Each structure stands twice: as C-alpha cells, then as structure tokens.
Amino acid sequence: MRDVIQKMLQAEAEAKRLVADAEAQADQARADARKKAQELIEAARRDAQDETDKIVRTAVQEADQQKRSRLQQAAEAICAELQVAPAFQKEAVETVVRTVLGTGSAGD
C-alpha cells in the first residue's frame, strides 16, 4: 500500500512538474511573440517614417523648383518692362533674385 501511495505521490509530482514546464514554455512563447510583434511594429514605423521623409524631400524640391521657375518668369517679365540699359537690367534682376532666394548669387 505504501508503494502505491508513493507511486501516486511521484506521479502527482511529475504531473505538477510537467504542468509547470508547459506553463513556462507557454510564457516564453508569448514573450517571444510579443518581442517579434514589437520588432515588426518598429520596422513598420521606420519604413513609414522613411517614406514620409522621402515624400517631404520631394515636395520641398518640387516647391523650390517651382519657386525658381516662377521667379525666373517674373525676372524675364520685369526685364521686358524695364526701360533701362540692358546691363543695368541684368544687374537689377540678379539683385532681386539673390534677395528673394537669400543666396549669394542669382544662379543658385
């Protein structure tokens, strides 16, 4: 009878150990899944930020190009309307362009 009780206690202890091992494995699997999900979220955020930065850079470049184009058109219109010597027209237009663009030379 003692052997039967001893074997039952051993079987119960083994069952508890197996349950504890299974719970530990499940906890580790959940932690691994959370970590992987967090990594995926961070990667998606980085990708979205990179794409946003690219879109903004492109928009800024296009806006700058449009600004320069409009400024060139305005400069040409001003030159056409000015009734002064051509050398002075060019100098005046370049000065306006430098001032508007905030650059050191009109060709920038």
PDB file of N, CA and C in Angstrom:
ATOM      1  N   MET A   1       0.825  -1.193   0.000  1.00  0.00           N
ATOM      2  CA  MET A   1       0.000   0.000   0.000  1.00  0.00           C
ATOM      3  C   MET A   1       0.867   1.254   0.000  1.00  0.00           C
ATOM      4  N   ARG A   2       1.939   1.163   0.764  1.00  0.00           N
ATOM      5  CA  ARG A   2       2.857   2.273   0.809  1.00  0.00           C
ATOM      6  C   ARG A   2       3.451   2.538  -0.570  1.00  0.00           C
ATOM      7  N   ASP A   3       3.762   1.493  -1.284  1.00  0.00           N
ATOM      8  CA  ASP A   3       4.310   1.631  -2.631  1.00  0.00           C
ATOM      9  C   ASP A   3       3.303   2.323  -3.556  1.00  0.00           C
ATOM     10  N   VAL A   4       2.057   1.963  -3.429  1.00  0.00           N
ATOM     11  CA  VAL A   4       1.019   2.555  -4.267  1.00  0.00           C
ATOM     12  C   VAL A   4       0.896   4.046  -3.957  1.00  0.00           C
ATOM     13  N   ILE A   5       0.881   4.391  -2.685  1.00  0.00           N
ATOM     14  CA  ILE A   5       0.784   5.802  -2.284  1.00  0.00           C
ATOM     15  C   ILE A   5       2.021   6.560  -2.754  1.00  0.00           C
ATOM     16  N   GLN A   6       3.186   5.924  -2.589  1.00  0.00           N
ATOM     17  CA  GLN A   6       4.438   6.555  -3.016  1.00  0.00           C
ATOM     18  C   GLN A   6       4.415   6.811  -4.524  1.00  0.00           C
ATOM     19  N   LYS A   7       3.957   5.838  -5.290  1.00  0.00           N
ATOM     20  CA  LYS A   7       3.888   5.981  -6.732  1.00  0.00           C
ATOM     21  C   LYS A   7       2.871   7.051  -7.134  1.00  0.00           C
ATOM     22  N   MET A   8       1.788   7.133  -6.398  1.00  0.00           N
ATOM     23  CA  MET A   8       0.784   8.164  -6.676  1.00  0.00           C
ATOM     24  C   MET A   8       1.354   9.547  -6.398  1.00  0.00           C
ATOM     25  N   LEU A   9       2.083   9.695  -5.312  1.00  0.00           N
ATOM     26  CA  LEU A   9       2.712  10.969  -4.972  1.00  0.00           C
ATOM     27  C   LEU A   9       3.767  11.346  -6.023  1.00  0.00           C
ATOM     28  N   GLN A  10       4.526  10.353  -6.477  1.00  0.00           N
ATOM     29  CA  GLN A  10       5.522  10.611  -7.513  1.00  0.00           C
ATOM     30  C   GLN A  10       4.843  11.019  -8.831  1.00  0.00           C
ATOM     31  N   ALA A  11       3.761  10.314  -9.148  1.00  0.00           N
ATOM     32  CA  ALA A  11       3.031  10.642 -10.369  1.00  0.00           C
ATOM     33  C   ALA A  11       2.442  12.047 -10.276  1.00  0.00           C
ATOM     34  N   GLU A  12       1.924  12.409  -9.102  1.00  0.00           N
ATOM     35  CA  GLU A  12       1.368  13.746  -8.912  1.00  0.00           C
ATOM     36  C   GLU A  12       2.461  14.807  -9.014  1.00  0.00           C
ATOM     37  N   ALA A  13       3.629  14.527  -8.433  1.00  0.00           N
ATOM     38  CA  ALA A  13       4.748  15.465  -8.504  1.00  0.00           C
ATOM     39  C   ALA A  13       5.215  15.617  -9.956  1.00  0.00           C
ATOM     40  N   GLU A  14       5.271  14.496 -10.681  1.00  0.00           N
ATOM     41  CA  GLU A  14       5.657  14.529 -12.085  1.00  0.00           C
ATOM     42  C   GLU A  14       4.653  15.332 -12.908  1.00  0.00           C
ATOM     43  N   ALA A  15       3.382  15.143 -12.630  1.00  0.00           N
ATOM     44  CA  ALA A  15       2.342  15.881 -13.341  1.00  0.00           C
ATOM     45  C   ALA A  15       2.463  17.384 -13.065  1.00  0.00           C
ATOM     46  N   LYS A  16       2.726  17.761 -11.821  1.00  0.00           N
ATOM     47  CA  LYS A  16       2.895  19.175 -11.475  1.00  0.00           C
ATOM     48  C   LYS A  16       4.116  19.757 -12.194  1.00  0.00           C
ATOM     49  N   ARG A  17       5.185  18.957 -12.254  1.00  0.00           N
ATOM     50  CA  ARG A  17       6.386  19.427 -12.940  1.00  0.00           C
ATOM     51  C   ARG A  17       6.103  19.619 -14.430  1.00  0.00           C
ATOM     52  N   LEU A  18       5.389  18.672 -15.034  1.00  0.00           N
ATOM     53  CA  LEU A  18       5.042  18.782 -16.449  1.00  0.00           C
ATOM     54  C   LEU A  18       4.161  20.004 -16.716  1.00  0.00           C
ATOM     55  N   VAL A  19       3.203  20.251 -15.838  1.00  0.00           N
ATOM     56  CA  VAL A  19       2.338  21.426 -15.981  1.00  0.00           C
ATOM     57  C   VAL A  19       3.158  22.707 -15.848  1.00  0.00           C
ATOM     58  N   ALA A  20       4.066  22.733 -14.866  1.00  0.00           N
ATOM     59  CA  ALA A  20       4.908  23.912 -14.668  1.00  0.00           C
ATOM     60  C   ALA A  20       5.798  24.141 -15.887  1.00  0.00           C
ATOM     61  N   ASP A  21       6.369  23.055 -16.434  1.00  0.00           N
ATOM     62  CA  ASP A  21       7.191  23.179 -17.645  1.00  0.00           C
ATOM     63  C   ASP A  21       6.368  23.707 -18.822  1.00  0.00           C
ATOM     64  N   ALA A  22       5.173  23.184 -18.965  1.00  0.00           N
ATOM     65  CA  ALA A  22       4.300  23.620 -20.060  1.00  0.00           C
ATOM     66  C   ALA A  22       3.939  25.095 -19.902  1.00  0.00           C
ATOM     67  N   GLU A  23       3.651  25.526 -18.676  1.00  0.00           N
ATOM     68  CA  GLU A  23       3.344  26.933 -18.432  1.00  0.00           C
ATOM     69  C   GLU A  23       4.546  27.817 -18.729  1.00  0.00           C
ATOM     70  N   ALA A  24       5.733  27.350 -18.342  1.00  0.00           N
ATOM     71  CA  ALA A  24       6.948  28.120 -18.614  1.00  0.00           C
ATOM     72  C   ALA A  24       7.182  28.234 -20.115  1.00  0.00           C
ATOM     73  N   GLN A  25       6.971  27.157 -20.848  1.00  0.00           N
ATOM     74  CA  GLN A  25       7.131  27.185 -22.298  1.00  0.00           C
ATOM     75  C   GLN A  25       6.097  28.120 -22.939  1.00  0.00           C
ATOM     76  N   ALA A  26       4.891  28.079 -22.433  1.00  0.00           N
ATOM     77  CA  ALA A  26       3.844  28.962 -22.961  1.00  0.00           C
ATOM     78  C   ALA A  26       4.188  30.421 -22.682  1.00  0.00           C
ATOM     79  N   ASP A  27       4.683  30.701 -21.471  1.00  0.00           N
ATOM     80  CA  ASP A  27       5.090  32.066 -21.132  1.00  0.00           C
ATOM     81  C   ASP A  27       6.213  32.538 -22.059  1.00  0.00           C
ATOM     82  N   GLN A  28       7.174  31.661 -22.319  1.00  0.00           N
ATOM     83  CA  GLN A  28       8.285  32.018 -23.201  1.00  0.00           C
ATOM     84  C   GLN A  28       7.794  32.241 -24.626  1.00  0.00           C
ATOM     85  N   ALA A  29       6.874  31.401 -25.078  1.00  0.00           N
ATOM     86  CA  ALA A  29       6.328  31.561 -26.431  1.00  0.00           C
ATOM     87  C   ALA A  29       5.585  32.895 -26.555  1.00  0.00           C
ATOM     88  N   ARG A  30       4.824  33.256 -25.517  1.00  0.00           N
ATOM     89  CA  ARG A  30       4.113  34.544 -25.533  1.00  0.00           C
ATOM     90  C   ARG A  30       5.108  35.704 -25.540  1.00  0.00           C
ATOM     91  N   ALA A  31       6.159  35.601 -24.729  1.00  0.00           N
ATOM     92  CA  ALA A  31       7.173  36.665 -24.682  1.00  0.00           C
ATOM     93  C   ALA A  31       7.869  36.799 -26.035  1.00  0.00           C
ATOM     94  N   ASP A  32       8.196  35.670 -26.643  1.00  0.00           N
ATOM     95  CA  ASP A  32       8.835  35.701 -27.962  1.00  0.00           C
ATOM     96  C   ASP A  32       7.904  36.329 -29.006  1.00  0.00           C
ATOM     97  N   ALA A  33       6.629  35.979 -28.945  1.00  0.00           N
ATOM     98  CA  ALA A  33       5.656  36.529 -29.894  1.00  0.00           C
ATOM     99  C   ALA A  33       5.506  38.038 -29.695  1.00  0.00           C
ATOM    100  N   ARG A  34       5.467  38.479 -28.447  1.00  0.00           N
ATOM    101  CA  ARG A  34       5.382  39.922 -28.169  1.00  0.00           C
ATOM    102  C   ARG A  34       6.611  40.650 -28.700  1.00  0.00           C
ATOM    103  N   LYS A  35       7.787  40.055 -28.473  1.00  0.00           N
ATOM    104  CA  LYS A  35       9.026  40.669 -28.939  1.00  0.00           C
ATOM    105  C   LYS A  35       9.024  40.772 -30.464  1.00  0.00           C
ATOM    106  N   LYS A  36       8.629  39.705 -31.143  1.00  0.00           N
ATOM    107  CA  LYS A  36       8.590  39.713 -32.596  1.00  0.00           C
ATOM    108  C   LYS A  36       7.582  40.745 -33.104  1.00  0.00           C
ATOM    109  N   ALA A  37       6.424  40.822 -32.456  1.00  0.00           N
ATOM    110  CA  ALA A  37       5.412  41.801 -32.847  1.00  0.00           C
ATOM    111  C   ALA A  37       5.951  43.220 -32.673  1.00  0.00           C
ATOM    112  N   GLN A  38       6.655  43.467 -31.584  1.00  0.00           N
ATOM    113  CA  GLN A  38       7.231  44.792 -31.334  1.00  0.00           C
ATOM    114  C   GLN A  38       8.277  45.123 -32.402  1.00  0.00           C
ATOM    115  N   GLU A  39       9.089  44.144 -32.769  1.00  0.00           N
ATOM    116  CA  GLU A  39      10.089  44.365 -33.814  1.00  0.00           C
ATOM    117  C   GLU A  39       9.420  44.703 -35.143  1.00  0.00           C
ATOM    118  N   LEU A  40       8.336  44.000 -35.460  1.00  0.00           N
ATOM    119  CA  LEU A  40       7.609  44.271 -36.704  1.00  0.00           C
ATOM    120  C   LEU A  40       6.991  45.665 -36.695  1.00  0.00           C
ATOM    121  N   ILE A  41       6.449  46.050 -35.548  1.00  0.00           N
ATOM    122  CA  ILE A  41       5.855  47.378 -35.421  1.00  0.00           C
ATOM    123  C   ILE A  41       6.928  48.454 -35.607  1.00  0.00           C
ATOM    124  N   GLU A  42       8.083  48.260 -34.979  1.00  0.00           N
ATOM    125  CA  GLU A  42       9.164  49.242 -35.105  1.00  0.00           C
ATOM    126  C   GLU A  42       9.666  49.314 -36.545  1.00  0.00           C
ATOM    127  N   ALA A  43       9.776  48.181 -37.195  1.00  0.00           N
ATOM    128  CA  ALA A  43      10.215  48.177 -38.597  1.00  0.00           C
ATOM    129  C   ALA A  43       9.200  48.914 -39.471  1.00  0.00           C
ATOM    130  N   ALA A  44       7.920  48.685 -39.228  1.00  0.00           N
ATOM    131  CA  ALA A  44       6.873  49.371 -39.991  1.00  0.00           C
ATOM    132  C   ALA A  44       6.921  50.877 -39.735  1.00  0.00           C
ATOM    133  N   ARG A  45       7.166  51.264 -38.505  1.00  0.00           N
ATOM    134  CA  ARG A  45       7.277  52.695 -38.184  1.00  0.00           C
ATOM    135  C   ARG A  45       8.465  53.326 -38.898  1.00  0.00           C
ATOM    136  N   ARG A  46       9.606  52.616 -38.873  1.00  0.00           N
ATOM    137  CA  ARG A  46      10.788  53.145 -39.569  1.00  0.00           C
ATOM    138  C   ARG A  46      10.514  53.281 -41.063  1.00  0.00           C
ATOM    139  N   ASP A  47       9.895  52.260 -41.643  1.00  0.00           N
ATOM    140  CA  ASP A  47       9.575  52.316 -43.074  1.00  0.00           C
ATOM    141  C   ASP A  47       8.635  53.480 -43.384  1.00  0.00           C
ATOM    142  N   ALA A  48       7.624  53.649 -42.544  1.00  0.00           N
ATOM    143  CA  ALA A  48       6.673  54.750 -42.754  1.00  0.00           C
ATOM    144  C   ALA A  48       7.374  56.100 -42.607  1.00  0.00           C
ATOM    145  N   GLN A  49       8.254  56.217 -41.621  1.00  0.00           N
ATOM    146  CA  GLN A  49       8.982  57.474 -41.426  1.00  0.00           C
ATOM    147  C   GLN A  49       9.901  57.747 -42.611  1.00  0.00           C
ATOM    148  N   ASP A  50      10.582  56.707 -43.096  1.00  0.00           N
ATOM    149  CA  ASP A  50      11.461  56.876 -44.260  1.00  0.00           C
ATOM    150  C   ASP A  50      10.657  57.334 -45.475  1.00  0.00           C
ATOM    151  N   GLU A  51       9.507  56.721 -45.684  1.00  0.00           N
ATOM    152  CA  GLU A  51       8.668  57.088 -46.826  1.00  0.00           C
ATOM    153  C   GLU A  51       8.148  58.520 -46.677  1.00  0.00           C
ATOM    154  N   THR A  52       7.757  58.878 -45.467  1.00  0.00           N
ATOM    155  CA  THR A  52       7.292  60.245 -45.210  1.00  0.00           C
ATOM    156  C   THR A  52       8.408  61.247 -45.476  1.00  0.00           C
ATOM    157  N   ASP A  53       9.611  60.935 -44.998  1.00  0.00           N
ATOM    158  CA  ASP A  53      10.753  61.828 -45.230  1.00  0.00           C
ATOM    159  C   ASP A  53      11.015  61.984 -46.721  1.00  0.00           C
ATOM    160  N   LYS A  54      10.925  60.884 -47.449  1.00  0.00           N
ATOM    161  CA  LYS A  54      11.157  60.928 -48.898  1.00  0.00           C
ATOM    162  C   LYS A  54      10.106  61.809 -49.583  1.00  0.00           C
ATOM    163  N   ILE A  55       8.853  61.646 -49.197  1.00  0.00           N
ATOM    164  CA  ILE A  55       7.767  62.439 -49.784  1.00  0.00           C
ATOM    165  C   ILE A  55       7.979  63.925 -49.483  1.00  0.00           C
ATOM    166  N   VAL A  56       8.356  64.232 -48.256  1.00  0.00           N
ATOM    167  CA  VAL A  56       8.573  65.631 -47.873  1.00  0.00           C
ATOM    168  C   VAL A  56       9.751  66.221 -48.647  1.00  0.00           C
ATOM    169  N   ARG A  57      10.851  65.455 -48.745  1.00  0.00           N
ATOM    170  CA  ARG A  57      12.009  65.949 -49.501  1.00  0.00           C
ATOM    171  C   ARG A  57      11.625  66.233 -50.954  1.00  0.00           C
ATOM    172  N   THR A  58      10.880  65.325 -51.547  1.00  0.00           N
ATOM    173  CA  THR A  58      10.457  65.503 -52.934  1.00  0.00           C
ATOM    174  C   THR A  58       9.570  66.738 -53.072  1.00  0.00           C
ATOM    175  N   ALA A  59       8.634  66.889 -52.149  1.00  0.00           N
ATOM    176  CA  ALA A  59       7.733  68.042 -52.202  1.00  0.00           C
ATOM    177  C   ALA A  59       8.506  69.349 -52.047  1.00  0.00           C
ATOM    178  N   VAL A  60       9.474  69.365 -51.155  1.00  0.00           N
ATOM    179  CA  VAL A  60      10.280  70.570 -50.951  1.00  0.00           C
ATOM    180  C   VAL A  60      11.086  70.879 -52.212  1.00  0.00           C
ATOM    181  N   GLN A  61      11.660  69.841 -52.817  1.00  0.00           N
ATOM    182  CA  GLN A  61      12.424  70.053 -54.048  1.00  0.00           C
ATOM    183  C   GLN A  61      11.532  70.587 -55.164  1.00  0.00           C
ATOM    184  N   GLU A  62      10.352  70.003 -55.293  1.00  0.00           N
ATOM    185  CA  GLU A  62       9.427  70.470 -56.330  1.00  0.00           C
ATOM    186  C   GLU A  62       8.979  71.897 -56.070  1.00  0.00           C
ATOM    187  N   ALA A  63       8.701  72.212 -54.820  1.00  0.00           N
ATOM    188  CA  ALA A  63       8.293  73.577 -54.478  1.00  0.00           C
ATOM    189  C   ALA A  63       9.427  74.560 -54.756  1.00  0.00           C
ATOM    190  N   ASP A  64      10.644  74.160 -54.435  1.00  0.00           N
ATOM    191  CA  ASP A  64      11.788  75.026 -54.701  1.00  0.00           C
ATOM    192  C   ASP A  64      11.965  75.237 -56.200  1.00  0.00           C
ATOM    193  N   GLN A  65      11.808  74.169 -56.965  1.00  0.00           N
ATOM    194  CA  GLN A  65      11.927  74.292 -58.422  1.00  0.00           C
ATOM    195  C   GLN A  65      10.835  75.203 -58.977  1.00  0.00           C
ATOM    196  N   GLN A  66       9.604  75.052 -58.489  1.00  0.00           N
ATOM    197  CA  GLN A  66       8.511  75.919 -58.938  1.00  0.00           C
ATOM    198  C   GLN A  66       8.791  77.374 -58.566  1.00  0.00           C
ATOM    199  N   LYS A  67       9.321  77.566 -57.369  1.00  0.00           N
ATOM    200  CA  LYS A  67       9.647  78.920 -56.911  1.00  0.00           C
ATOM    201  C   LYS A  67      10.689  79.540 -57.838  1.00  0.00           C
ATOM    202  N   ARG A  68      11.727  78.771 -58.154  1.00  0.00           N
ATOM    203  CA  ARG A  68      12.778  79.286 -59.039  1.00  0.00           C
ATOM    204  C   ARG A  68      12.216  79.567 -60.439  1.00  0.00           C
ATOM    205  N   SER A  69      11.366  78.683 -60.925  1.00  0.00           N
ATOM    206  CA  SER A  69      10.783  78.864 -62.256  1.00  0.00           C
ATOM    207  C   SER A  69       9.922  80.125 -62.296  1.00  0.00           C
ATOM    208  N   ARG A  70       9.081  80.293 -61.296  1.00  0.00           N
ATOM    209  CA  ARG A  70       8.227  81.485 -61.246  1.00  0.00           C
ATOM    210  C   ARG A  70       9.054  82.752 -61.098  1.00  0.00           C
ATOM    211  N   LEU A  71      10.108  82.648 -60.308  1.00  0.00           N
ATOM    212  CA  LEU A  71      10.979  83.795 -60.125  1.00  0.00           C
ATOM    213  C   LEU A  71      11.671  84.142 -61.436  1.00  0.00           C
ATOM    214  N   GLN A  72      12.088  83.138 -62.179  1.00  0.00           N
ATOM    215  CA  GLN A  72      12.720  83.376 -63.483  1.00  0.00           C
ATOM    216  C   GLN A  72      11.730  84.031 -64.440  1.00  0.00           C
ATOM    217  N   GLN A  73      10.490  83.532 -64.429  1.00  0.00           N
ATOM    218  CA  GLN A  73       9.461  84.123 -65.285  1.00  0.00           C
ATOM    219  C   GLN A  73       9.208  85.577 -64.903  1.00  0.00           C
ATOM    220  N   ALA A  74       9.148  85.831 -63.611  1.00  0.00           N
ATOM    221  CA  ALA A  74       8.934  87.200 -63.147  1.00  0.00           C
ATOM    222  C   ALA A  74      10.112  88.087 -63.531  1.00  0.00           C
ATOM    223  N   ALA A  75      11.312  87.548 -63.416  1.00  0.00           N
ATOM    224  CA  ALA A  75      12.502  88.316 -63.777  1.00  0.00           C
ATOM    225  C   ALA A  75      12.479  88.659 -65.262  1.00  0.00           C
ATOM    226  N   GLU A  76      12.089  87.693 -66.075  1.00  0.00           N
ATOM    227  CA  GLU A  76      12.006  87.950 -67.516  1.00  0.00           C
ATOM    228  C   GLU A  76      10.945  89.007 -67.823  1.00  0.00           C
ATOM    229  N   ALA A  77       9.836  88.930 -67.113  1.00  0.00           N
ATOM    230  CA  ALA A  77       8.777  89.925 -67.317  1.00  0.00           C
ATOM    231  C   ALA A  77       9.244  91.312 -66.895  1.00  0.00           C
ATOM    232  N   ILE A  78       9.973  91.364 -65.799  1.00  0.00           N
ATOM    233  CA  ILE A  78      10.492  92.660 -65.324  1.00  0.00           C
ATOM    234  C   ILE A  78      11.473  93.226 -66.344  1.00  0.00           C
ATOM    235  N   CYS A  79      12.352  92.364 -66.851  1.00  0.00           N
ATOM    236  CA  CYS A  79      13.331  92.822 -67.853  1.00  0.00           C
ATOM    237  C   CYS A  79      12.624  93.368 -69.089  1.00  0.00           C
ATOM    238  N   ALA A  80      11.554  92.699 -69.481  1.00  0.00           N
ATOM    239  CA  ALA A  80      10.819  93.129 -70.671  1.00  0.00           C
ATOM    240  C   ALA A  80      10.157  94.482 -70.450  1.00  0.00           C
ATOM    241  N   GLU A  81       9.776  94.768 -69.227  1.00  0.00           N
ATOM    242  CA  GLU A  81       9.083  96.021 -68.934  1.00  0.00           C
ATOM    243  C   GLU A  81      10.027  97.158 -68.584  1.00  0.00           C
ATOM    244  N   LEU A  82      11.220  96.845 -68.151  1.00  0.00           N
ATOM    245  CA  LEU A  82      12.158  97.902 -67.753  1.00  0.00           C
ATOM    246  C   LEU A  82      12.619  98.681 -68.977  1.00  0.00           C
ATOM    247  N   GLN A  83      12.693  99.970 -68.824  1.00  0.00           N
ATOM    248  CA  GLN A  83      13.155 100.846 -69.902  1.00  0.00           C
ATOM    249  C   GLN A  83      14.519 101.424 -69.513  1.00  0.00           C
ATOM    250  N   VAL A  84      15.456 100.512 -69.203  1.00  0.00           N
ATOM    251  CA  VAL A  84      16.803 100.956 -68.831  1.00  0.00           C
ATOM    252  C   VAL A  84      17.822 100.161 -69.641  1.00  0.00           C
ATOM    253  N   ALA A  85      19.055 100.529 -69.488  1.00  0.00           N
ATOM    254  CA  ALA A  85      20.130  99.864 -70.225  1.00  0.00           C
ATOM    255  C   ALA A  85      20.160  98.377 -69.877  1.00  0.00           C
ATOM    256  N   PRO A  86      20.412  97.523 -70.876  1.00  0.00           N
ATOM    257  CA  PRO A  86      20.428  96.078 -70.651  1.00  0.00           C
ATOM    258  C   PRO A  86      21.383  95.628 -69.552  1.00  0.00           C
ATOM    259  N   ALA A  87      22.536  96.233 -69.439  1.00  0.00           N
ATOM    260  CA  ALA A  87      23.496  95.836 -68.399  1.00  0.00           C
ATOM    261  C   ALA A  87      22.900  96.088 -67.017  1.00  0.00           C
ATOM    262  N   PHE A  88      22.228  97.203 -66.860  1.00  0.00           N
ATOM    263  CA  PHE A  88      21.604  97.511 -65.573  1.00  0.00           C
ATOM    264  C   PHE A  88      20.422  96.584 -65.303  1.00  0.00           C
ATOM    265  N   GLN A  89      19.665  96.221 -66.334  1.00  0.00           N
ATOM    266  CA  GLN A  89      18.527  95.289 -66.181  1.00  0.00           C
ATOM    267  C   GLN A  89      19.014  93.976 -65.571  1.00  0.00           C
ATOM    268  N   LYS A  90      20.064  93.442 -66.149  1.00  0.00           N
ATOM    269  CA  LYS A  90      20.578  92.159 -65.670  1.00  0.00           C
ATOM    270  C   LYS A  90      21.016  92.270 -64.219  1.00  0.00           C
ATOM    271  N   GLU A  91      21.746  93.334 -63.893  1.00  0.00           N
ATOM    272  CA  GLU A  91      22.217  93.529 -62.525  1.00  0.00           C
ATOM    273  C   GLU A  91      21.036  93.678 -61.559  1.00  0.00           C
ATOM    274  N   ALA A  92      20.014  94.426 -61.959  1.00  0.00           N
ATOM    275  CA  ALA A  92      18.837  94.633 -61.106  1.00  0.00           C
ATOM    276  C   ALA A  92      18.105  93.312 -60.885  1.00  0.00           C
ATOM    277  N   VAL A  93      17.931  92.554 -61.945  1.00  0.00           N
ATOM    278  CA  VAL A  93      17.227  91.274 -61.822  1.00  0.00           C
ATOM    279  C   VAL A  93      18.010  90.315 -60.941  1.00  0.00           C
ATOM    280  N   GLU A  94      19.332  90.246 -61.136  1.00  0.00           N
ATOM    281  CA  GLU A  94      20.147  89.355 -60.311  1.00  0.00           C
ATOM    282  C   GLU A  94      20.084  89.753 -58.846  1.00  0.00           C
ATOM    283  N   THR A  95      20.050  91.040 -58.578  1.00  0.00           N
ATOM    284  CA  THR A  95      19.935  91.515 -57.197  1.00  0.00           C
ATOM    285  C   THR A  95      18.595  91.088 -56.596  1.00  0.00           C
ATOM    286  N   VAL A  96      17.521  91.220 -57.352  1.00  0.00           N
ATOM    287  CA  VAL A  96      16.195  90.800 -56.872  1.00  0.00           C
ATOM    288  C   VAL A  96      16.189  89.300 -56.621  1.00  0.00           C
ATOM    289  N   VAL A  97      16.749  88.527 -57.539  1.00  0.00           N
ATOM    290  CA  VAL A  97      16.778  87.069 -57.382  1.00  0.00           C
ATOM    291  C   VAL A  97      17.564  86.693 -56.142  1.00  0.00           C
ATOM    292  N   ARG A  98      18.742  87.290 -55.949  1.00  0.00           N
ATOM    293  CA  ARG A  98      19.543  86.985 -54.753  1.00  0.00           C
ATOM    294  C   ARG A  98      18.785  87.333 -53.484  1.00  0.00           C
ATOM    295  N   THR A  99      18.109  88.459 -53.518  1.00  0.00           N
ATOM    296  CA  THR A  99      17.359  88.897 -52.335  1.00  0.00           C
ATOM    297  C   THR A  99      16.208  87.946 -52.034  1.00  0.00           C
ATOM    298  N   VAL A 100      15.451  87.567 -53.047  1.00  0.00           N
ATOM    299  CA  VAL A 100      14.287  86.679 -52.848  1.00  0.00           C
ATOM    300  C   VAL A 100      14.740  85.301 -52.396  1.00  0.00           C
ATOM    301  N   LEU A 101      15.794  84.770 -53.044  1.00  0.00           N
ATOM    302  CA  LEU A 101      16.256  83.427 -52.702  1.00  0.00           C
ATOM    303  C   LEU A 101      17.133  83.420 -51.459  1.00  0.00           C
ATOM    304  N   GLY A 102      17.637  84.560 -51.087  1.00  0.00           N
ATOM    305  CA  GLY A 102      18.504  84.624 -49.915  1.00  0.00           C
ATOM    306  C   GLY A 102      19.842  83.946 -50.177  1.00  0.00           C
ATOM    307  N   THR A 103      20.321  84.040 -51.416  1.00  0.00           N
ATOM    308  CA  THR A 103      21.564  83.400 -51.793  1.00  0.00           C
ATOM    309  C   THR A 103      22.618  84.431 -52.130  1.00  0.00           C
ATOM    310  N   GLY A 104      23.833  83.932 -52.361  1.00  0.00           N
ATOM    311  CA  GLY A 104      24.934  84.828 -52.694  1.00  0.00           C
ATOM    312  C   GLY A 104      24.960  85.203 -54.155  1.00  0.00           C
ATOM    313  N   SER A 105      24.326  84.361 -55.029  1.00  0.00           N
ATOM    314  CA  SER A 105      24.333  84.694 -56.459  1.00  0.00           C
ATOM    315  C   SER A 105      23.021  84.285 -57.081  1.00  0.00           C
ATOM    316  N   ALA A 106      22.689  84.882 -58.199  1.00  0.00           N
ATOM    317  CA  ALA A 106      21.399  84.631 -58.846  1.00  0.00           C
ATOM    318  C   ALA A 106      21.322  83.249 -59.434  1.00  0.00           C
ATOM    319  N   GLY A 107      22.424  82.589 -59.743  1.00  0.00           N
ATOM    320  CA  GLY A 107      22.417  81.274 -60.360  1.00  0.00           C
ATOM    321  C   GLY A 107      22.192  80.128 -59.396  1.00  0.00           C
ATOM    322  N   ASP A 108      22.118  80.355 -58.122  1.00  0.00           N
ATOM    323  CA  ASP A 108      21.963  79.278 -57.121  1.00  0.00           C
ATOM    324  C   ASP A 108      20.611  78.625 -57.165  1.00  0.00           C
TER     325      ASP A 108
END
